[in-house]
Protein backbone atom coordinates (compact mmCIF):
# COMPACT_ATOMS: atom_id res chain seq x y z
CA MET A 1 -2.29 11.35 13.53
CA VAL A 2 -2.04 8.81 10.76
CA GLU A 3 0.35 5.86 10.96
CA PHE A 4 1.15 3.40 8.18
CA LYS A 5 3.01 0.11 8.20
CA VAL A 6 4.99 -0.01 4.95
CA VAL A 7 6.40 -3.29 3.71
CA VAL A 8 9.49 -2.85 1.56
CA ASN A 9 10.72 -5.82 -0.54
CA ASP A 10 14.36 -6.26 -1.45
CA THR A 11 14.26 -8.10 -4.77
CA LYS A 12 17.95 -9.01 -4.70
CA SER A 13 17.94 -10.82 -1.35
CA GLY A 14 14.28 -11.82 -1.41
CA LYS A 15 13.65 -10.31 2.04
CA SER A 16 10.85 -8.01 3.17
CA TYR A 17 11.07 -5.32 5.80
CA GLN A 18 8.18 -3.71 7.69
CA VAL A 19 8.73 -0.02 8.47
CA PRO A 20 6.32 2.09 10.54
CA VAL A 21 5.69 5.53 9.05
CA SER A 22 4.09 8.33 11.05
CA GLY A 23 4.06 12.10 11.32
CA HIS A 24 4.51 14.34 8.29
CA HIS A 25 5.99 11.43 6.28
CA ALA A 26 2.70 9.52 6.62
CA ASN A 27 0.71 12.56 5.54
CA SER A 28 2.64 12.65 2.27
CA LEU A 29 1.41 9.10 1.43
CA ILE A 30 -2.27 10.03 1.77
CA GLY A 31 -4.04 10.31 -1.58
CA LYS A 32 -1.60 8.07 -3.47
CA LYS A 33 -2.92 5.33 -5.72
CA ILE A 34 -1.71 1.85 -6.61
CA GLY A 35 1.00 2.22 -9.22
CA ASP A 36 2.16 5.65 -8.02
CA GLU A 37 5.81 6.14 -7.23
CA VAL A 38 6.93 7.83 -4.02
CA ASP A 39 10.35 9.00 -2.89
CA GLY A 40 12.16 6.66 -0.48
CA ILE A 41 12.96 9.51 1.89
CA PHE A 42 9.62 8.90 3.57
CA ILE A 43 10.84 5.60 5.00
CA SER A 44 14.49 6.52 5.50
CA LEU A 45 15.68 5.30 2.10
CA PRO A 46 16.91 8.48 0.36
CA GLY A 47 17.77 8.11 -3.28
CA TYR A 48 15.25 5.32 -3.96
CA LYS A 49 11.91 5.46 -5.76
CA LEU A 50 9.28 3.11 -4.37
CA GLN A 51 6.14 1.95 -6.18
CA ILE A 52 2.83 1.36 -4.38
CA THR A 53 1.67 -2.13 -5.33
CA GLY A 54 -1.23 -2.72 -2.92
CA GLY A 55 -2.40 -2.63 0.64
CA THR A 56 -5.26 -3.25 3.05
CA ASP A 57 -7.53 -1.16 5.24
CA LYS A 58 -7.84 -1.43 9.00
CA ASP A 59 -10.11 -4.51 8.69
CA GLY A 60 -7.91 -6.39 6.18
CA PHE A 61 -9.86 -5.73 2.99
CA ALA A 62 -7.55 -5.57 -0.02
CA MET A 63 -7.11 -2.48 -2.15
CA ARG A 64 -8.24 -2.79 -5.75
CA LYS A 65 -6.73 -0.81 -8.61
CA ASP A 66 -9.91 -0.84 -10.65
CA LEU A 67 -12.02 0.95 -7.99
CA PRO A 68 -11.55 4.68 -7.44
CA GLY A 69 -11.97 6.31 -4.06
CA MET A 70 -11.48 5.22 -0.51
CA VAL A 71 -14.94 3.88 0.38
CA ARG A 72 -15.91 0.21 0.54
CA ARG A 73 -18.33 -1.03 -2.08
CA ARG A 74 -20.29 -4.23 -2.41
CA LEU A 75 -18.97 -6.16 -5.39
CA LEU A 76 -20.09 -9.25 -7.21
CA LEU A 77 -16.81 -11.09 -7.90
CA SER A 78 -16.07 -14.25 -9.82
CA ASP A 79 -12.26 -14.12 -9.40
CA GLY A 80 -9.42 -11.75 -8.67
CA ILE A 81 -8.24 -9.71 -5.70
CA GLY A 82 -10.31 -10.20 -2.59
CA PHE A 83 -12.18 -13.32 -3.85
CA HIS A 84 -11.54 -16.64 -2.13
CA GLU A 85 -13.60 -19.53 -3.52
CA ILE A 86 -14.72 -22.00 -0.84
């Protein structure tokens, strides 16, 4: 069974809320991409449309909009998401 931790931001108050999503609601989020809109009913917010803006995998690697698919790839990065210059 798949379980997600969804972070919802309230732009008016500036607060963020973490909501666990499991069961058939979690299955409806599988296959969505960054930038897709989902119905808020999946996290008990009926009447709202939510936009997927990012995420991480189980090991903390950031999602990238410019890479299709769900597999990890070795990248040569000079800046951007997932690059931290030391």
